[in-house]
N, C-alpha and C. Protein backbone atom coordinates (compact mmCIF):
# COMPACT_ATOMS: atom_id res chain seq x y z
N MET A 1 208.80 119.38 -52.54
CA MET A 1 207.80 119.28 -53.61
C MET A 1 208.47 118.78 -54.89
N THR A 2 207.85 117.82 -55.53
CA THR A 2 208.32 117.42 -56.85
C THR A 2 207.30 117.87 -57.88
N TYR A 3 207.79 118.12 -59.08
CA TYR A 3 206.90 118.54 -60.15
C TYR A 3 206.13 117.34 -60.69
N GLN A 4 204.90 117.59 -61.13
CA GLN A 4 204.01 116.52 -61.55
C GLN A 4 203.51 116.76 -62.98
N LEU A 5 203.26 115.68 -63.69
CA LEU A 5 202.64 115.77 -65.01
C LEU A 5 201.19 116.21 -64.83
N PRO A 6 200.78 117.32 -65.46
CA PRO A 6 199.39 117.75 -65.31
C PRO A 6 198.45 116.86 -66.12
N LYS A 7 197.25 116.69 -65.61
CA LYS A 7 196.22 115.97 -66.38
C LYS A 7 195.73 116.87 -67.49
N LEU A 8 195.42 116.26 -68.63
CA LEU A 8 194.84 117.04 -69.72
C LEU A 8 193.39 117.38 -69.40
N PRO A 9 192.92 118.54 -69.83
CA PRO A 9 191.53 118.90 -69.60
C PRO A 9 190.56 118.31 -70.63
N TYR A 10 191.03 117.36 -71.40
CA TYR A 10 190.23 116.70 -72.44
C TYR A 10 190.88 115.35 -72.74
N ASP A 11 190.16 114.48 -73.44
CA ASP A 11 190.68 113.17 -73.79
C ASP A 11 191.72 113.28 -74.91
N TYR A 12 192.53 112.23 -75.03
CA TYR A 12 193.57 112.24 -76.07
C TYR A 12 192.99 112.38 -77.48
N ASN A 13 191.79 111.88 -77.69
CA ASN A 13 191.21 111.94 -79.04
C ASN A 13 190.34 113.17 -79.26
N ALA A 14 190.29 114.06 -78.27
CA ALA A 14 189.32 115.16 -78.32
C ALA A 14 189.66 116.21 -79.38
N LEU A 15 190.92 116.28 -79.80
CA LEU A 15 191.31 117.33 -80.75
C LEU A 15 191.35 116.83 -82.19
N GLU A 16 190.91 115.58 -82.39
CA GLU A 16 190.85 115.07 -83.76
C GLU A 16 189.78 115.82 -84.55
N PRO A 17 189.92 115.97 -85.87
CA PRO A 17 190.97 115.40 -86.72
C PRO A 17 192.23 116.26 -86.79
N HIS A 18 192.26 117.37 -86.08
CA HIS A 18 193.35 118.32 -86.24
C HIS A 18 194.65 117.81 -85.61
N ILE A 19 194.53 117.23 -84.41
CA ILE A 19 195.67 116.57 -83.77
C ILE A 19 195.20 115.19 -83.35
N ASP A 20 195.88 114.17 -83.82
CA ASP A 20 195.40 112.79 -83.64
C ASP A 20 195.68 112.28 -82.23
N ALA A 21 194.91 111.28 -81.84
CA ALA A 21 194.97 110.74 -80.48
C ALA A 21 196.34 110.14 -80.15
N LEU A 22 196.95 109.43 -81.10
CA LEU A 22 198.24 108.81 -80.82
C LEU A 22 199.32 109.86 -80.57
N THR A 23 199.30 110.93 -81.36
CA THR A 23 200.25 112.02 -81.13
C THR A 23 200.03 112.63 -79.75
N MET A 24 198.78 112.90 -79.39
CA MET A 24 198.50 113.50 -78.10
C MET A 24 198.94 112.60 -76.96
N GLU A 25 198.63 111.32 -77.05
CA GLU A 25 199.01 110.40 -75.97
C GLU A 25 200.52 110.29 -75.84
N THR A 26 201.21 110.16 -76.96
CA THR A 26 202.67 110.04 -76.93
C THR A 26 203.31 111.34 -76.43
N HIS A 27 202.80 112.44 -76.92
CA HIS A 27 203.33 113.75 -76.58
C HIS A 27 203.18 114.02 -75.07
N HIS A 28 202.01 113.72 -74.54
CA HIS A 28 201.73 114.00 -73.13
C HIS A 28 202.34 112.96 -72.20
N SER A 29 202.02 111.70 -72.43
CA SER A 29 202.39 110.66 -71.46
C SER A 29 203.86 110.22 -71.58
N LYS A 30 204.48 110.46 -72.72
CA LYS A 30 205.88 110.07 -72.90
C LYS A 30 206.80 111.30 -72.87
N HIS A 31 206.64 112.20 -73.81
CA HIS A 31 207.56 113.34 -73.91
C HIS A 31 207.46 114.26 -72.68
N HIS A 32 206.24 114.69 -72.38
CA HIS A 32 206.09 115.61 -71.24
C HIS A 32 206.48 114.92 -69.94
N GLN A 33 206.09 113.67 -69.77
CA GLN A 33 206.45 112.95 -68.55
C GLN A 33 207.97 112.86 -68.40
N THR A 34 208.68 112.67 -69.49
CA THR A 34 210.14 112.59 -69.43
C THR A 34 210.74 113.91 -68.95
N TYR A 35 210.21 115.03 -69.43
CA TYR A 35 210.70 116.32 -68.95
C TYR A 35 210.49 116.46 -67.45
N VAL A 36 209.34 116.05 -66.96
CA VAL A 36 209.04 116.16 -65.53
C VAL A 36 210.00 115.27 -64.73
N THR A 37 210.17 114.04 -65.18
CA THR A 37 211.05 113.10 -64.48
C THR A 37 212.48 113.63 -64.41
N LYS A 38 212.98 114.11 -65.54
CA LYS A 38 214.38 114.59 -65.60
C LYS A 38 214.55 115.90 -64.83
N LEU A 39 213.52 116.71 -64.79
CA LEU A 39 213.59 117.94 -64.00
C LEU A 39 213.71 117.61 -62.52
N ASN A 40 212.89 116.69 -62.04
CA ASN A 40 212.97 116.30 -60.64
C ASN A 40 214.32 115.68 -60.31
N GLU A 41 214.86 114.88 -61.23
CA GLU A 41 216.18 114.28 -61.02
C GLU A 41 217.26 115.37 -60.93
N ALA A 42 217.15 116.36 -61.81
CA ALA A 42 218.16 117.42 -61.84
C ALA A 42 218.18 118.23 -60.55
N LEU A 43 217.01 118.36 -59.91
CA LEU A 43 216.91 119.21 -58.72
C LEU A 43 217.03 118.43 -57.42
N GLU A 44 217.37 117.15 -57.49
CA GLU A 44 217.62 116.40 -56.26
C GLU A 44 218.79 117.04 -55.51
N GLY A 45 218.58 117.31 -54.24
CA GLY A 45 219.59 118.01 -53.47
C GLY A 45 219.49 119.52 -53.54
N HIS A 46 218.54 120.01 -54.31
CA HIS A 46 218.30 121.46 -54.43
C HIS A 46 216.84 121.76 -54.10
N GLU A 47 216.44 121.30 -52.91
CA GLU A 47 215.02 121.36 -52.54
C GLU A 47 214.48 122.78 -52.51
N ASP A 48 215.35 123.76 -52.23
CA ASP A 48 214.86 125.14 -52.20
C ASP A 48 214.34 125.57 -53.57
N TRP A 49 214.99 125.10 -54.62
CA TRP A 49 214.53 125.42 -55.97
C TRP A 49 213.27 124.64 -56.33
N GLN A 50 213.13 123.45 -55.80
CA GLN A 50 211.95 122.64 -56.10
C GLN A 50 210.67 123.21 -55.51
N GLN A 51 210.80 124.16 -54.59
CA GLN A 51 209.61 124.76 -53.99
C GLN A 51 208.96 125.80 -54.89
N LEU A 52 209.66 126.22 -55.93
CA LEU A 52 209.14 127.28 -56.79
C LEU A 52 208.10 126.75 -57.77
N GLU A 53 207.12 127.58 -58.10
CA GLU A 53 206.24 127.28 -59.21
C GLU A 53 207.09 127.18 -60.47
N ILE A 54 206.65 126.36 -61.42
CA ILE A 54 207.49 126.08 -62.59
C ILE A 54 207.79 127.35 -63.39
N LYS A 55 206.84 128.27 -63.49
CA LYS A 55 207.09 129.52 -64.22
C LYS A 55 208.23 130.30 -63.58
N GLU A 56 208.22 130.42 -62.24
CA GLU A 56 209.27 131.17 -61.56
C GLU A 56 210.62 130.49 -61.71
N LEU A 57 210.62 129.17 -61.66
CA LEU A 57 211.87 128.43 -61.83
C LEU A 57 212.49 128.74 -63.20
N VAL A 58 211.67 128.69 -64.24
CA VAL A 58 212.17 128.96 -65.60
C VAL A 58 212.58 130.42 -65.74
N ALA A 59 211.86 131.32 -65.08
CA ALA A 59 212.19 132.74 -65.16
C ALA A 59 213.52 133.05 -64.49
N ARG A 60 213.91 132.24 -63.53
CA ARG A 60 215.11 132.53 -62.74
C ARG A 60 216.28 131.60 -63.07
N LEU A 61 216.33 131.14 -64.31
CA LEU A 61 217.38 130.21 -64.72
C LEU A 61 218.79 130.72 -64.40
N SER A 62 219.00 132.00 -64.61
CA SER A 62 220.36 132.54 -64.44
C SER A 62 220.83 132.46 -62.99
N GLU A 63 219.91 132.30 -62.05
CA GLU A 63 220.28 132.22 -60.64
C GLU A 63 220.59 130.80 -60.19
N LEU A 64 220.25 129.82 -61.02
CA LEU A 64 220.46 128.42 -60.63
C LEU A 64 221.93 128.07 -60.58
N PRO A 65 222.30 127.08 -59.74
CA PRO A 65 223.67 126.58 -59.78
C PRO A 65 224.03 126.11 -61.19
N GLU A 66 225.21 126.46 -61.63
CA GLU A 66 225.62 126.14 -63.00
C GLU A 66 225.56 124.64 -63.28
N SER A 67 225.76 123.84 -62.25
CA SER A 67 225.80 122.38 -62.43
C SER A 67 224.46 121.80 -62.88
N VAL A 68 223.37 122.50 -62.58
CA VAL A 68 222.04 121.99 -62.95
C VAL A 68 221.31 122.90 -63.94
N ARG A 69 221.91 124.03 -64.29
CA ARG A 69 221.19 125.03 -65.08
C ARG A 69 220.75 124.51 -66.44
N THR A 70 221.62 123.80 -67.14
CA THR A 70 221.26 123.32 -68.48
C THR A 70 220.14 122.28 -68.40
N ALA A 71 220.23 121.39 -67.44
CA ALA A 71 219.18 120.37 -67.29
C ALA A 71 217.84 121.00 -66.95
N VAL A 72 217.85 122.03 -66.12
CA VAL A 72 216.60 122.71 -65.76
C VAL A 72 216.10 123.53 -66.94
N ARG A 73 217.01 124.14 -67.67
CA ARG A 73 216.61 124.90 -68.86
C ARG A 73 215.88 124.01 -69.85
N ASN A 74 216.42 122.83 -70.10
CA ASN A 74 215.81 121.91 -71.07
C ASN A 74 214.54 121.26 -70.54
N ASN A 75 214.62 120.71 -69.34
CA ASN A 75 213.50 119.92 -68.82
C ASN A 75 212.46 120.77 -68.08
N GLY A 76 212.92 121.78 -67.37
CA GLY A 76 211.98 122.71 -66.76
C GLY A 76 211.24 123.50 -67.82
N GLY A 77 211.98 123.91 -68.85
CA GLY A 77 211.34 124.58 -69.97
C GLY A 77 210.34 123.68 -70.66
N GLY A 78 210.73 122.42 -70.86
CA GLY A 78 209.81 121.47 -71.49
C GLY A 78 208.55 121.27 -70.68
N HIS A 79 208.69 121.22 -69.36
CA HIS A 79 207.51 121.06 -68.49
C HIS A 79 206.62 122.29 -68.55
N TYR A 80 207.21 123.47 -68.44
CA TYR A 80 206.41 124.70 -68.44
C TYR A 80 205.75 124.93 -69.81
N ASN A 81 206.52 124.76 -70.87
CA ASN A 81 205.98 124.99 -72.22
C ASN A 81 204.79 124.08 -72.51
N HIS A 82 204.94 122.81 -72.19
CA HIS A 82 203.87 121.87 -72.49
C HIS A 82 202.65 122.08 -71.60
N SER A 83 202.88 122.45 -70.34
CA SER A 83 201.75 122.72 -69.45
C SER A 83 200.90 123.86 -70.01
N LEU A 84 201.55 124.88 -70.58
CA LEU A 84 200.84 125.97 -71.23
C LEU A 84 200.12 125.48 -72.49
N PHE A 85 200.84 124.71 -73.28
CA PHE A 85 200.34 124.25 -74.58
C PHE A 85 199.02 123.49 -74.44
N TRP A 86 198.97 122.55 -73.49
CA TRP A 86 197.74 121.76 -73.31
C TRP A 86 196.56 122.66 -72.93
N GLU A 87 196.82 123.64 -72.06
CA GLU A 87 195.75 124.51 -71.57
C GLU A 87 195.16 125.38 -72.67
N LEU A 88 195.96 125.73 -73.65
CA LEU A 88 195.53 126.66 -74.70
C LEU A 88 194.65 126.01 -75.76
N MET A 89 194.59 124.68 -75.75
CA MET A 89 193.82 123.99 -76.78
C MET A 89 192.52 123.44 -76.21
N SER A 90 191.52 123.29 -77.08
CA SER A 90 190.22 122.80 -76.64
C SER A 90 189.50 122.15 -77.82
N PRO A 91 188.69 121.11 -77.53
CA PRO A 91 187.85 120.54 -78.59
C PRO A 91 186.69 121.46 -78.97
N THR A 92 186.39 122.43 -78.11
CA THR A 92 185.31 123.40 -78.39
C THR A 92 185.85 124.81 -78.17
N PRO A 93 186.79 125.24 -79.00
CA PRO A 93 187.47 126.50 -78.75
C PRO A 93 186.67 127.72 -79.17
N LYS A 94 186.99 128.82 -78.55
CA LYS A 94 186.58 130.12 -79.09
C LYS A 94 187.50 130.41 -80.26
N THR A 95 186.96 130.64 -81.43
CA THR A 95 187.78 130.60 -82.65
C THR A 95 188.42 131.93 -83.03
N GLU A 96 188.01 133.01 -82.39
CA GLU A 96 188.62 134.31 -82.68
C GLU A 96 188.67 135.14 -81.40
N PRO A 97 189.65 136.01 -81.30
CA PRO A 97 189.70 136.89 -80.13
C PRO A 97 188.66 138.00 -80.25
N THR A 98 188.24 138.51 -79.10
CA THR A 98 187.31 139.64 -79.06
C THR A 98 187.82 140.63 -78.02
N GLY A 99 187.11 141.72 -77.88
CA GLY A 99 187.40 142.66 -76.81
C GLY A 99 188.77 143.30 -76.89
N LYS A 100 189.38 143.48 -75.72
CA LYS A 100 190.65 144.21 -75.64
C LYS A 100 191.78 143.53 -76.41
N LEU A 101 191.82 142.20 -76.35
CA LEU A 101 192.90 141.51 -77.06
C LEU A 101 192.74 141.67 -78.57
N ALA A 102 191.53 141.53 -79.07
CA ALA A 102 191.29 141.71 -80.50
C ALA A 102 191.70 143.12 -80.94
N ALA A 103 191.33 144.11 -80.14
CA ALA A 103 191.68 145.49 -80.47
C ALA A 103 193.20 145.68 -80.48
N LYS A 104 193.88 145.05 -79.53
CA LYS A 104 195.34 145.18 -79.45
C LYS A 104 196.02 144.49 -80.63
N ILE A 105 195.52 143.33 -81.01
CA ILE A 105 196.07 142.62 -82.17
C ILE A 105 195.90 143.48 -83.43
N ASN A 106 194.74 144.08 -83.60
CA ASN A 106 194.51 144.94 -84.76
C ASN A 106 195.43 146.16 -84.74
N GLU A 107 195.63 146.70 -83.56
CA GLU A 107 196.49 147.88 -83.42
C GLU A 107 197.94 147.55 -83.78
N VAL A 108 198.43 146.41 -83.30
CA VAL A 108 199.85 146.07 -83.46
C VAL A 108 200.15 145.42 -84.81
N PHE A 109 199.26 144.53 -85.25
CA PHE A 109 199.54 143.74 -86.44
C PHE A 109 198.70 144.14 -87.66
N GLY A 110 197.70 144.96 -87.46
CA GLY A 110 196.87 145.41 -88.57
C GLY A 110 195.56 144.65 -88.70
N SER A 111 195.61 143.35 -88.43
CA SER A 111 194.43 142.50 -88.49
C SER A 111 194.76 141.15 -87.89
N LEU A 112 193.72 140.36 -87.61
CA LEU A 112 193.95 139.01 -87.11
C LEU A 112 194.67 138.17 -88.14
N GLU A 113 194.31 138.31 -89.40
CA GLU A 113 194.96 137.53 -90.46
C GLU A 113 196.44 137.88 -90.58
N SER A 114 196.75 139.17 -90.46
CA SER A 114 198.16 139.58 -90.51
C SER A 114 198.94 139.01 -89.33
N PHE A 115 198.30 139.01 -88.15
CA PHE A 115 198.96 138.40 -87.00
C PHE A 115 199.21 136.92 -87.24
N LYS A 116 198.19 136.21 -87.73
CA LYS A 116 198.34 134.77 -87.97
C LYS A 116 199.47 134.49 -88.95
N GLU A 117 199.60 135.32 -89.95
CA GLU A 117 200.67 135.12 -90.94
C GLU A 117 202.04 135.34 -90.30
N LYS A 118 202.15 136.36 -89.48
CA LYS A 118 203.43 136.63 -88.80
C LYS A 118 203.77 135.49 -87.84
N PHE A 119 202.75 135.01 -87.12
CA PHE A 119 202.95 133.91 -86.18
C PHE A 119 203.37 132.64 -86.93
N LYS A 120 202.72 132.38 -88.06
CA LYS A 120 203.06 131.21 -88.86
C LYS A 120 204.49 131.31 -89.37
N GLN A 121 204.90 132.49 -89.80
CA GLN A 121 206.27 132.69 -90.27
C GLN A 121 207.27 132.37 -89.17
N ALA A 122 206.94 132.77 -87.93
CA ALA A 122 207.83 132.48 -86.80
C ALA A 122 207.91 130.98 -86.56
N ALA A 123 206.77 130.29 -86.69
CA ALA A 123 206.73 128.84 -86.48
C ALA A 123 207.50 128.10 -87.57
N LEU A 124 207.34 128.53 -88.80
CA LEU A 124 208.00 127.85 -89.92
C LEU A 124 209.47 128.25 -90.02
N GLY A 125 209.79 129.45 -89.55
CA GLY A 125 211.16 129.92 -89.65
C GLY A 125 212.08 129.40 -88.56
N ARG A 126 211.50 128.75 -87.56
CA ARG A 126 212.32 128.17 -86.49
C ARG A 126 213.03 126.93 -87.04
N PHE A 127 214.32 127.01 -87.25
CA PHE A 127 215.09 125.89 -87.78
C PHE A 127 215.22 124.82 -86.69
N GLY A 128 214.89 123.58 -87.05
CA GLY A 128 214.96 122.50 -86.07
C GLY A 128 213.81 122.59 -85.09
N SER A 129 214.10 122.26 -83.84
CA SER A 129 213.05 122.17 -82.82
C SER A 129 212.87 123.49 -82.08
N GLY A 130 211.63 123.77 -81.68
CA GLY A 130 211.40 124.98 -80.91
C GLY A 130 209.93 125.34 -80.84
N TRP A 131 209.67 126.60 -80.60
CA TRP A 131 208.32 127.11 -80.38
C TRP A 131 208.17 128.48 -81.02
N ALA A 132 206.92 128.84 -81.34
CA ALA A 132 206.57 130.21 -81.70
C ALA A 132 205.60 130.72 -80.65
N TRP A 133 205.71 132.01 -80.32
CA TRP A 133 204.97 132.57 -79.20
C TRP A 133 204.36 133.92 -79.54
N LEU A 134 203.21 134.21 -78.94
CA LEU A 134 202.70 135.58 -78.82
C LEU A 134 202.98 135.99 -77.38
N VAL A 135 203.70 137.09 -77.21
CA VAL A 135 204.13 137.50 -75.88
C VAL A 135 203.76 138.95 -75.62
N LEU A 136 203.80 139.30 -74.35
CA LEU A 136 203.81 140.69 -73.91
C LEU A 136 205.25 141.04 -73.56
N ASP A 137 205.80 142.01 -74.26
CA ASP A 137 207.17 142.46 -74.04
C ASP A 137 207.10 143.92 -73.59
N ASN A 138 207.28 144.14 -72.29
CA ASN A 138 207.10 145.48 -71.72
C ASN A 138 205.72 146.03 -72.05
N GLY A 139 204.71 145.15 -71.96
CA GLY A 139 203.33 145.56 -72.17
C GLY A 139 202.88 145.61 -73.62
N GLN A 140 203.80 145.34 -74.55
CA GLN A 140 203.47 145.39 -75.96
C GLN A 140 203.41 143.98 -76.56
N LEU A 141 202.45 143.74 -77.44
CA LEU A 141 202.36 142.44 -78.10
C LEU A 141 203.53 142.26 -79.07
N ALA A 142 204.06 141.04 -79.11
CA ALA A 142 205.13 140.72 -80.05
C ALA A 142 205.09 139.23 -80.36
N VAL A 143 205.54 138.87 -81.54
CA VAL A 143 205.69 137.47 -81.94
C VAL A 143 207.18 137.14 -81.90
N VAL A 144 207.51 136.06 -81.20
CA VAL A 144 208.90 135.60 -81.10
C VAL A 144 208.94 134.09 -81.25
N SER A 145 210.13 133.57 -81.49
CA SER A 145 210.29 132.12 -81.45
C SER A 145 211.51 131.79 -80.60
N THR A 146 211.50 130.59 -80.04
CA THR A 146 212.62 130.14 -79.21
C THR A 146 213.05 128.75 -79.66
N ALA A 147 214.32 128.45 -79.43
CA ALA A 147 214.85 127.14 -79.77
C ALA A 147 214.56 126.14 -78.66
N ASN A 148 214.50 124.89 -79.07
CA ASN A 148 214.40 123.77 -78.13
C ASN A 148 213.25 123.98 -77.14
N GLN A 149 213.53 123.96 -75.82
CA GLN A 149 212.47 124.18 -74.83
C GLN A 149 212.64 125.51 -74.10
N ASP A 150 213.32 126.44 -74.72
CA ASP A 150 213.44 127.77 -74.11
C ASP A 150 212.08 128.45 -74.08
N ASN A 151 211.90 129.34 -73.11
CA ASN A 151 210.64 130.06 -72.96
C ASN A 151 210.94 131.55 -72.80
N PRO A 152 210.14 132.42 -73.42
CA PRO A 152 210.39 133.86 -73.33
C PRO A 152 210.36 134.42 -71.91
N VAL A 153 209.75 133.72 -70.97
CA VAL A 153 209.70 134.22 -69.60
C VAL A 153 211.10 134.36 -69.01
N THR A 154 212.05 133.57 -69.51
CA THR A 154 213.44 133.67 -69.06
C THR A 154 214.03 135.03 -69.41
N GLU A 155 213.51 135.64 -70.47
CA GLU A 155 213.99 136.96 -70.91
C GLU A 155 213.10 138.09 -70.41
N GLY A 156 212.21 137.79 -69.45
CA GLY A 156 211.39 138.82 -68.86
C GLY A 156 210.10 139.11 -69.61
N LYS A 157 209.78 138.29 -70.60
CA LYS A 157 208.53 138.48 -71.34
C LYS A 157 207.44 137.61 -70.72
N GLU A 158 206.19 137.92 -71.04
CA GLU A 158 205.05 137.12 -70.57
C GLU A 158 204.41 136.43 -71.77
N VAL A 159 204.17 135.13 -71.66
CA VAL A 159 203.62 134.35 -72.76
C VAL A 159 202.09 134.38 -72.74
N LEU A 160 201.51 134.71 -73.89
CA LEU A 160 200.06 134.63 -74.05
C LEU A 160 199.65 133.34 -74.72
N MET A 161 200.43 132.88 -75.71
CA MET A 161 200.12 131.62 -76.40
C MET A 161 201.38 131.14 -77.10
N GLY A 162 201.41 129.84 -77.39
CA GLY A 162 202.56 129.29 -78.09
C GLY A 162 202.22 127.99 -78.77
N ILE A 163 202.95 127.70 -79.85
CA ILE A 163 202.78 126.44 -80.57
C ILE A 163 204.09 125.67 -80.57
N ASP A 164 203.99 124.40 -80.31
CA ASP A 164 205.12 123.48 -80.30
C ASP A 164 205.42 123.07 -81.73
N VAL A 165 206.63 123.37 -82.21
CA VAL A 165 206.99 122.93 -83.57
C VAL A 165 208.14 121.91 -83.56
N TRP A 166 208.30 121.22 -82.43
CA TRP A 166 209.13 120.02 -82.45
C TRP A 166 208.43 118.98 -83.33
N GLU A 167 209.19 118.17 -84.02
CA GLU A 167 208.57 117.18 -84.91
C GLU A 167 207.66 116.22 -84.17
N HIS A 168 207.95 115.92 -82.91
CA HIS A 168 207.10 114.97 -82.19
C HIS A 168 205.68 115.51 -82.00
N ALA A 169 205.49 116.82 -82.18
CA ALA A 169 204.16 117.41 -82.01
C ALA A 169 203.25 117.16 -83.21
N TYR A 170 203.85 116.79 -84.35
CA TYR A 170 203.02 116.70 -85.56
C TYR A 170 203.41 115.61 -86.55
N TYR A 171 204.54 114.93 -86.35
CA TYR A 171 205.08 114.09 -87.41
C TYR A 171 204.23 112.87 -87.73
N LEU A 172 203.58 112.29 -86.73
CA LEU A 172 202.79 111.07 -86.99
C LEU A 172 201.65 111.34 -87.98
N LYS A 173 201.05 112.52 -87.89
CA LYS A 173 199.92 112.85 -88.77
C LYS A 173 200.35 113.65 -90.00
N TYR A 174 201.23 114.61 -89.78
CA TYR A 174 201.56 115.56 -90.86
C TYR A 174 202.91 115.29 -91.52
N MET A 175 203.63 114.30 -91.02
CA MET A 175 204.97 113.99 -91.54
C MET A 175 205.82 115.27 -91.49
N ASN A 176 206.44 115.64 -92.62
CA ASN A 176 207.31 116.82 -92.62
C ASN A 176 206.58 118.10 -93.01
N LYS A 177 205.25 118.07 -93.01
CA LYS A 177 204.46 119.22 -93.48
C LYS A 177 204.10 120.13 -92.30
N ARG A 178 205.10 120.77 -91.76
CA ARG A 178 204.87 121.68 -90.64
C ARG A 178 203.83 122.76 -90.96
N PRO A 179 203.81 123.33 -92.18
CA PRO A 179 202.78 124.35 -92.47
C PRO A 179 201.36 123.82 -92.31
N ASP A 180 201.12 122.57 -92.69
CA ASP A 180 199.77 122.00 -92.55
C ASP A 180 199.38 121.86 -91.08
N TYR A 181 200.34 121.47 -90.27
CA TYR A 181 200.10 121.35 -88.83
C TYR A 181 199.77 122.71 -88.22
N VAL A 182 200.54 123.73 -88.57
CA VAL A 182 200.29 125.06 -88.03
C VAL A 182 198.90 125.55 -88.45
N ASP A 183 198.55 125.34 -89.70
CA ASP A 183 197.23 125.76 -90.18
C ASP A 183 196.11 125.04 -89.42
N ALA A 184 196.30 123.75 -89.17
CA ALA A 184 195.27 122.97 -88.46
C ALA A 184 195.16 123.37 -87.00
N TRP A 185 196.27 123.79 -86.43
CA TRP A 185 196.30 124.12 -84.99
C TRP A 185 195.36 125.28 -84.64
N TRP A 186 195.16 126.20 -85.57
CA TRP A 186 194.23 127.30 -85.29
C TRP A 186 192.83 126.78 -84.96
N SER A 187 192.50 125.60 -85.45
CA SER A 187 191.15 125.04 -85.22
C SER A 187 190.95 124.52 -83.81
N VAL A 188 192.03 124.36 -83.05
CA VAL A 188 191.92 123.89 -81.66
C VAL A 188 192.42 124.91 -80.65
N LEU A 189 193.01 126.01 -81.12
CA LEU A 189 193.43 127.07 -80.20
C LEU A 189 192.20 127.74 -79.61
N ASP A 190 192.14 127.83 -78.29
CA ASP A 190 191.00 128.44 -77.61
C ASP A 190 191.35 129.88 -77.26
N TRP A 191 190.81 130.81 -78.04
CA TRP A 191 191.11 132.23 -77.81
C TRP A 191 190.60 132.71 -76.46
N LYS A 192 189.63 132.03 -75.91
CA LYS A 192 189.17 132.41 -74.57
C LYS A 192 190.31 132.30 -73.56
N LYS A 193 191.11 131.24 -73.67
CA LYS A 193 192.25 131.05 -72.76
C LYS A 193 193.30 132.13 -72.98
N VAL A 194 193.52 132.49 -74.25
CA VAL A 194 194.50 133.52 -74.56
C VAL A 194 194.04 134.86 -74.00
N GLU A 195 192.75 135.14 -74.15
CA GLU A 195 192.19 136.38 -73.61
C GLU A 195 192.31 136.43 -72.09
N GLU A 196 192.08 135.31 -71.42
CA GLU A 196 192.21 135.27 -69.96
C GLU A 196 193.64 135.58 -69.54
N ARG A 197 194.61 135.02 -70.28
CA ARG A 197 196.02 135.29 -69.96
C ARG A 197 196.34 136.77 -70.21
N PHE A 198 195.81 137.32 -71.28
CA PHE A 198 196.04 138.73 -71.60
C PHE A 198 195.48 139.63 -70.50
N GLU A 199 194.26 139.34 -70.06
CA GLU A 199 193.64 140.13 -69.01
C GLU A 199 194.47 140.09 -67.72
N THR A 200 194.96 138.89 -67.38
CA THR A 200 195.72 138.72 -66.14
C THR A 200 197.11 139.37 -66.23
N LEU A 201 197.78 139.14 -67.35
CA LEU A 201 199.20 139.53 -67.46
C LEU A 201 199.40 140.97 -67.88
N SER A 202 198.35 141.61 -68.41
CA SER A 202 198.51 143.00 -68.86
C SER A 202 198.11 144.00 -67.80
N LYS A 203 197.73 143.53 -66.62
CA LYS A 203 197.34 144.44 -65.54
C LYS A 203 198.57 145.10 -64.92
């Protein structure tokens, strides 16, 4: 089995004006495709590892042969992170969490606004390239950030949502204004998808 670039569940221009069509097309068809291509190249001759779902592969990085571990960490992480990222966004998103997830966010962070501020701080505080995440860590909600294409699943956490803060995710439209990009991203984040992940992963 070789890993494949997933199709987007919407058109490249569907998230405008918040994320522009050129950024989406370049991000998906060029950047994400490159991660997939390089991941498959790295695992040539290691077909047993290629049989794993991408999440399990990234979760088991420490078990990989050292000769391919870094390439899989970078490119497998890039594939898994972006596959999640596309799914979490929608041109017609649910704009706020409800139910159990909303109650948990209020319990842990005090309010949705307080959570958003903490999440934004994680996104802006990531020096250079990386991601900010809402995760389940031993069943508890937490905000974390990772460098490059690392994913919290490698550390035993479960990802509920994440934002890409590599410059290629926002530079064409927002230039160096990462805070503006993060603020705009809330307008396309689909809380329904986050709630579905919470329901599945918190069982």
